[in-house]
Amino acid sequence: KALETIEVYAPLAHRLGLQNLKSELEDISLRYLDPIGYEEIINNLEVFKNNTFFNETKQVIVNKLAAEGISADVDSRIKHIYSIYRKMFTQDKEFNEIYDLYAYRIIVKSVGECYTVLGHIHDIFHAIPGRLKDYISNPKPNMYQSLHTTVSYKGYLFEVQIRTEE
């Protein structure tokens, strides 16, 4: 049933636009398909869930953008368990080699503001070389447009995604 759920029902939920349900189905299925891998990821994620660093970092971003007069919505997320598992398996990575476990999404009004915000993010955090993806000037085939950068701050690596509402 768990394999059927990952192969049939989770993709169906994705097609229907039910992302939260898709993630929940995948995570629950993984718990039964690979309980050891599931527990390893859960234990590693506990460090992130119980740490106030990410709320503080979000406030640093919000304060910097407000000081610069930029109106933006700032949201954050922790990558879901099955997504981490799939990335570790398909890319042969260890847990600590996944740089987008935690990400901030910054939504601004214009493309120009996206690049301005990127500059401010790199002012306050240390940019990781080779970890900038410009999907605005080079959109993905599905027309996805966003700037992704990986940065470090106080010993943590995380991703920042910057895009317009459009």
C-alpha atoms as a PDB file:
ATOM      1  CA  LYS A   1       0.000   0.000   0.000  1.00  0.00           C
ATOM      2  CA  ALA A   2       2.845   2.401   0.781  1.00  0.00           C
ATOM      3  CA  LEU A   3       4.492   1.758  -2.600  1.00  0.00           C
ATOM      4  CA  GLU A   4       1.150   2.157  -4.365  1.00  0.00           C
ATOM      5  CA  THR A   5       0.606   5.433  -2.519  1.00  0.00           C
ATOM      6  CA  ILE A   6       3.985   6.852  -3.623  1.00  0.00           C
ATOM      7  CA  GLU A   7       3.568   5.652  -7.208  1.00  0.00           C
ATOM      8  CA  VAL A   8      -0.125   6.440  -7.767  1.00  0.00           C
ATOM      9  CA  TYR A   9      -1.845   8.572  -5.140  1.00  0.00           C
ATOM     10  CA  ALA A  10       0.912  11.095  -4.362  1.00  0.00           C
ATOM     11  CA  PRO A  11       1.422  11.959  -8.076  1.00  0.00           C
ATOM     12  CA  LEU A  12      -2.363  12.225  -8.427  1.00  0.00           C
ATOM     13  CA  ALA A  13      -2.498  14.662  -5.505  1.00  0.00           C
ATOM     14  CA  HIS A  14       0.318  16.632  -7.156  1.00  0.00           C
ATOM     15  CA  ARG A  15      -1.603  16.831 -10.456  1.00  0.00           C
ATOM     16  CA  LEU A  16      -4.662  18.056  -8.590  1.00  0.00           C
ATOM     17  CA  GLY A  17      -2.609  20.825  -6.958  1.00  0.00           C
ATOM     18  CA  LEU A  18      -2.826  19.308  -3.477  1.00  0.00           C
ATOM     19  CA  GLN A  19       0.833  19.791  -2.526  1.00  0.00           C
ATOM     20  CA  ASN A  20       0.345  19.382   1.224  1.00  0.00           C
ATOM     21  CA  LEU A  21      -1.520  16.109   0.716  1.00  0.00           C
ATOM     22  CA  LYS A  22       1.150  14.892  -1.731  1.00  0.00           C
ATOM     23  CA  SER A  23       3.910  15.605   0.790  1.00  0.00           C
ATOM     24  CA  GLU A  24       2.011  13.948   3.612  1.00  0.00           C
ATOM     25  CA  LEU A  25       1.310  10.816   1.537  1.00  0.00           C
ATOM     26  CA  GLU A  26       4.978  10.545   0.529  1.00  0.00           C
ATOM     27  CA  ASP A  27       6.281  11.059   4.065  1.00  0.00           C
ATOM     28  CA  ILE A  28       3.903   8.503   5.595  1.00  0.00           C
ATOM     29  CA  SER A  29       4.683   5.966   2.862  1.00  0.00           C
ATOM     30  CA  LEU A  30       8.420   6.408   3.346  1.00  0.00           C
ATOM     31  CA  ARG A  31       8.037   5.593   7.036  1.00  0.00           C
ATOM     32  CA  TYR A  32       6.942   2.077   5.992  1.00  0.00           C
ATOM     33  CA  LEU A  33       9.127   1.621   2.897  1.00  0.00           C
ATOM     34  CA  ASP A  34      12.410   2.601   4.581  1.00  0.00           C
ATOM     35  CA  PRO A  35      11.915   3.049   8.330  1.00  0.00           C
ATOM     36  CA  ILE A  36      15.656   3.383   9.006  1.00  0.00           C
ATOM     37  CA  GLY A  37      16.150   6.106   6.379  1.00  0.00           C
ATOM     38  CA  TYR A  38      13.006   7.855   7.600  1.00  0.00           C
ATOM     39  CA  GLU A  39      14.204   7.892  11.215  1.00  0.00           C
ATOM     40  CA  GLU A  40      17.653   9.160  10.208  1.00  0.00           C
ATOM     41  CA  ILE A  41      16.114  12.140   8.439  1.00  0.00           C
ATOM     42  CA  ILE A  42      13.659  12.814  11.283  1.00  0.00           C
ATOM     43  CA  ASN A  43      16.493  12.813  13.829  1.00  0.00           C
ATOM     44  CA  ASN A  44      18.591  15.192  11.702  1.00  0.00           C
ATOM     45  CA  LEU A  45      15.643  17.540  11.162  1.00  0.00           C
ATOM     46  CA  GLU A  46      15.001  17.842  14.909  1.00  0.00           C
ATOM     47  CA  VAL A  47      18.041  20.139  15.101  1.00  0.00           C
ATOM     48  CA  PHE A  48      16.301  22.519  12.702  1.00  0.00           C
ATOM     49  CA  LYS A  49      12.802  22.304  14.170  1.00  0.00           C
ATOM     50  CA  ASN A  50      13.959  23.074  17.709  1.00  0.00           C
ATOM     51  CA  ASN A  51      16.272  25.913  16.748  1.00  0.00           C
ATOM     52  CA  THR A  52      15.208  29.573  16.950  1.00  0.00           C
ATOM     53  CA  PHE A  53      17.960  30.534  14.494  1.00  0.00           C
ATOM     54  CA  PHE A  54      15.646  30.394  11.480  1.00  0.00           C
ATOM     55  CA  ASN A  55      12.996  32.681  12.993  1.00  0.00           C
ATOM     56  CA  GLU A  56      15.735  35.126  13.954  1.00  0.00           C
ATOM     57  CA  THR A  57      17.215  34.948  10.435  1.00  0.00           C
ATOM     58  CA  LYS A  58      13.803  35.638   8.903  1.00  0.00           C
ATOM     59  CA  GLN A  59      13.578  38.746  11.065  1.00  0.00           C
ATOM     60  CA  VAL A  60      17.035  39.858   9.855  1.00  0.00           C
ATOM     61  CA  ILE A  61      15.786  39.586   6.265  1.00  0.00           C
ATOM     62  CA  VAL A  62      12.518  41.407   7.005  1.00  0.00           C
ATOM     63  CA  ASN A  63      14.328  44.217   8.852  1.00  0.00           C
ATOM     64  CA  LYS A  64      16.927  44.681   6.085  1.00  0.00           C
ATOM     65  CA  LEU A  65      14.314  44.879   3.336  1.00  0.00           C
ATOM     66  CA  ALA A  66      12.172  47.295   5.375  1.00  0.00           C
ATOM     67  CA  ALA A  67      15.228  49.491   6.029  1.00  0.00           C
ATOM     68  CA  GLU A  68      15.850  49.562   2.264  1.00  0.00           C
ATOM     69  CA  GLY A  69      12.217  50.500   1.578  1.00  0.00           C
ATOM     70  CA  ILE A  70      11.396  47.230  -0.176  1.00  0.00           C
ATOM     71  CA  SER A  71       7.930  45.806   0.351  1.00  0.00           C
ATOM     72  CA  ALA A  72       8.171  42.016   0.374  1.00  0.00           C
ATOM     73  CA  ASP A  73       6.497  38.915   1.712  1.00  0.00           C
ATOM     74  CA  VAL A  74       9.014  36.615   3.415  1.00  0.00           C
ATOM     75  CA  ASP A  75       8.066  33.001   4.035  1.00  0.00           C
ATOM     76  CA  SER A  76      10.097  30.002   5.143  1.00  0.00           C
ATOM     77  CA  ARG A  77       9.857  26.249   4.898  1.00  0.00           C
ATOM     78  CA  ILE A  78      11.636  23.046   5.887  1.00  0.00           C
ATOM     79  CA  LYS A  79      11.975  20.555   3.032  1.00  0.00           C
ATOM     80  CA  HIS A  80       9.671  17.591   3.587  1.00  0.00           C
ATOM     81  CA  ILE A  81      11.082  14.199   4.520  1.00  0.00           C
ATOM     82  CA  TYR A  82      10.498  12.286   1.281  1.00  0.00           C
ATOM     83  CA  SER A  83      11.946  15.130  -0.771  1.00  0.00           C
ATOM     84  CA  ILE A  84      15.132  15.003   1.342  1.00  0.00           C
ATOM     85  CA  TYR A  85      15.233  11.218   1.032  1.00  0.00           C
ATOM     86  CA  ARG A  86      14.788  11.341  -2.756  1.00  0.00           C
ATOM     87  CA  LYS A  87      17.519  13.967  -3.112  1.00  0.00           C
ATOM     88  CA  MET A  88      19.923  11.937  -0.947  1.00  0.00           C
ATOM     89  CA  PHE A  89      19.212   8.793  -2.976  1.00  0.00           C
ATOM     90  CA  THR A  90      19.176  10.210  -6.531  1.00  0.00           C
ATOM     91  CA  GLN A  91      22.157  12.548  -6.042  1.00  0.00           C
ATOM     92  CA  ASP A  92      24.097  10.251  -3.679  1.00  0.00           C
ATOM     93  CA  LYS A  93      24.357  12.921  -0.967  1.00  0.00           C
ATOM     94  CA  GLU A  94      24.614  12.838   2.786  1.00  0.00           C
ATOM     95  CA  PHE A  95      22.114  14.796   4.883  1.00  0.00           C
ATOM     96  CA  ASN A  96      24.635  17.595   5.550  1.00  0.00           C
ATOM     97  CA  GLU A  97      25.249  18.004   1.790  1.00  0.00           C
ATOM     98  CA  ILE A  98      21.698  19.161   1.102  1.00  0.00           C
ATOM     99  CA  TYR A  99      21.727  22.949   1.039  1.00  0.00           C
ATOM    100  CA  ASP A 100      18.016  23.616   0.655  1.00  0.00           C
ATOM    101  CA  LEU A 101      16.761  21.819   3.760  1.00  0.00           C
ATOM    102  CA  TYR A 102      15.576  25.174   4.930  1.00  0.00           C
ATOM    103  CA  ALA A 103      14.623  27.956   2.562  1.00  0.00           C
ATOM    104  CA  TYR A 104      13.258  31.455   2.611  1.00  0.00           C
ATOM    105  CA  ARG A 105      10.960  32.626  -0.162  1.00  0.00           C
ATOM    106  CA  ILE A 106      10.906  36.361  -0.782  1.00  0.00           C
ATOM    107  CA  ILE A 107       8.160  37.710  -3.029  1.00  0.00           C
ATOM    108  CA  VAL A 108       8.498  41.251  -4.413  1.00  0.00           C
ATOM    109  CA  LYS A 109       6.621  43.352  -6.947  1.00  0.00           C
ATOM    110  CA  SER A 110       9.024  43.529  -9.909  1.00  0.00           C
ATOM    111  CA  VAL A 111      11.874  41.672 -11.587  1.00  0.00           C
ATOM    112  CA  GLY A 112      14.187  44.620 -10.850  1.00  0.00           C
ATOM    113  CA  GLU A 113      13.409  44.273  -7.146  1.00  0.00           C
ATOM    114  CA  CYS A 114      14.345  40.572  -7.339  1.00  0.00           C
ATOM    115  CA  TYR A 115      17.893  41.489  -8.315  1.00  0.00           C
ATOM    116  CA  THR A 116      18.009  44.325  -5.759  1.00  0.00           C
ATOM    117  CA  VAL A 117      16.925  41.943  -3.004  1.00  0.00           C
ATOM    118  CA  LEU A 118      19.565  39.428  -4.147  1.00  0.00           C
ATOM    119  CA  GLY A 119      22.207  42.110  -3.623  1.00  0.00           C
ATOM    120  CA  HIS A 120      20.915  42.818  -0.113  1.00  0.00           C
ATOM    121  CA  ILE A 121      20.820  39.106   0.752  1.00  0.00           C
ATOM    122  CA  HIS A 122      24.446  38.803  -0.328  1.00  0.00           C
ATOM    123  CA  ASP A 123      25.270  41.904   1.758  1.00  0.00           C
ATOM    124  CA  ILE A 124      23.981  40.380   4.985  1.00  0.00           C
ATOM    125  CA  PHE A 125      24.839  36.705   4.411  1.00  0.00           C
ATOM    126  CA  HIS A 126      27.864  34.927   2.954  1.00  0.00           C
ATOM    127  CA  ALA A 127      27.103  33.672  -0.579  1.00  0.00           C
ATOM    128  CA  ILE A 128      28.261  30.143  -1.385  1.00  0.00           C
ATOM    129  CA  PRO A 129      30.219  30.180  -4.682  1.00  0.00           C
ATOM    130  CA  GLY A 130      28.564  28.316  -7.537  1.00  0.00           C
ATOM    131  CA  ARG A 131      25.204  28.170  -5.764  1.00  0.00           C
ATOM    132  CA  LEU A 132      23.358  30.982  -7.581  1.00  0.00           C
ATOM    133  CA  LYS A 133      20.669  29.969 -10.055  1.00  0.00           C
ATOM    134  CA  ASP A 134      19.056  32.669 -12.184  1.00  0.00           C
ATOM    135  CA  TYR A 135      15.794  31.266 -13.484  1.00  0.00           C
ATOM    136  CA  ILE A 136      14.576  34.782 -14.313  1.00  0.00           C
ATOM    137  CA  SER A 137      16.997  35.398 -17.164  1.00  0.00           C
ATOM    138  CA  ASN A 138      17.011  31.645 -17.969  1.00  0.00           C
ATOM    139  CA  PRO A 139      13.511  30.313 -17.135  1.00  0.00           C
ATOM    140  CA  LYS A 140      12.929  26.601 -16.712  1.00  0.00           C
ATOM    141  CA  PRO A 141      11.028  24.859 -19.555  1.00  0.00           C
ATOM    142  CA  ASN A 142       7.790  25.199 -17.546  1.00  0.00           C
ATOM    143  CA  MET A 143       8.426  29.009 -17.401  1.00  0.00           C
ATOM    144  CA  TYR A 144       9.307  28.952 -13.691  1.00  0.00           C
ATOM    145  CA  GLN A 145      11.145  32.192 -12.895  1.00  0.00           C
ATOM    146  CA  SER A 146      13.022  32.827  -9.658  1.00  0.00           C
ATOM    147  CA  LEU A 147      16.459  33.581  -8.246  1.00  0.00           C
ATOM    148  CA  HIS A 148      17.910  30.897  -5.963  1.00  0.00           C
ATOM    149  CA  THR A 149      21.010  31.468  -3.884  1.00  0.00           C
ATOM    150  CA  THR A 150      22.574  29.433  -1.111  1.00  0.00           C
ATOM    151  CA  VAL A 151      24.066  31.439   1.725  1.00  0.00           C
ATOM    152  CA  SER A 152      25.570  30.818   5.129  1.00  0.00           C
ATOM    153  CA  TYR A 153      24.984  32.628   8.374  1.00  0.00           C
ATOM    154  CA  LYS A 154      26.246  31.674  11.830  1.00  0.00           C
ATOM    155  CA  GLY A 155      27.367  28.278  10.559  1.00  0.00           C
ATOM    156  CA  TYR A 156      24.083  27.323   8.855  1.00  0.00           C
ATOM    157  CA  LEU A 157      23.545  26.930   5.128  1.00  0.00           C
ATOM    158  CA  PHE A 158      20.162  27.736   3.651  1.00  0.00           C
ATOM    159  CA  GLU A 159      18.568  28.705   0.379  1.00  0.00           C
ATOM    160  CA  VAL A 160      16.902  32.002  -0.459  1.00  0.00           C
ATOM    161  CA  GLN A 161      14.423  32.092  -3.344  1.00  0.00           C
ATOM    162  CA  ILE A 162      13.456  35.485  -4.722  1.00  0.00           C
ATOM    163  CA  ARG A 163      10.601  35.970  -7.186  1.00  0.00           C
ATOM    164  CA  THR A 164       7.662  38.144  -8.158  1.00  0.00           C
ATOM    165  CA  GLU A 165       4.045  37.239  -7.462  1.00  0.00           C
ATOM    166  CA  GLU A 166       3.625  36.531 -11.156  1.00  0.00           C
END
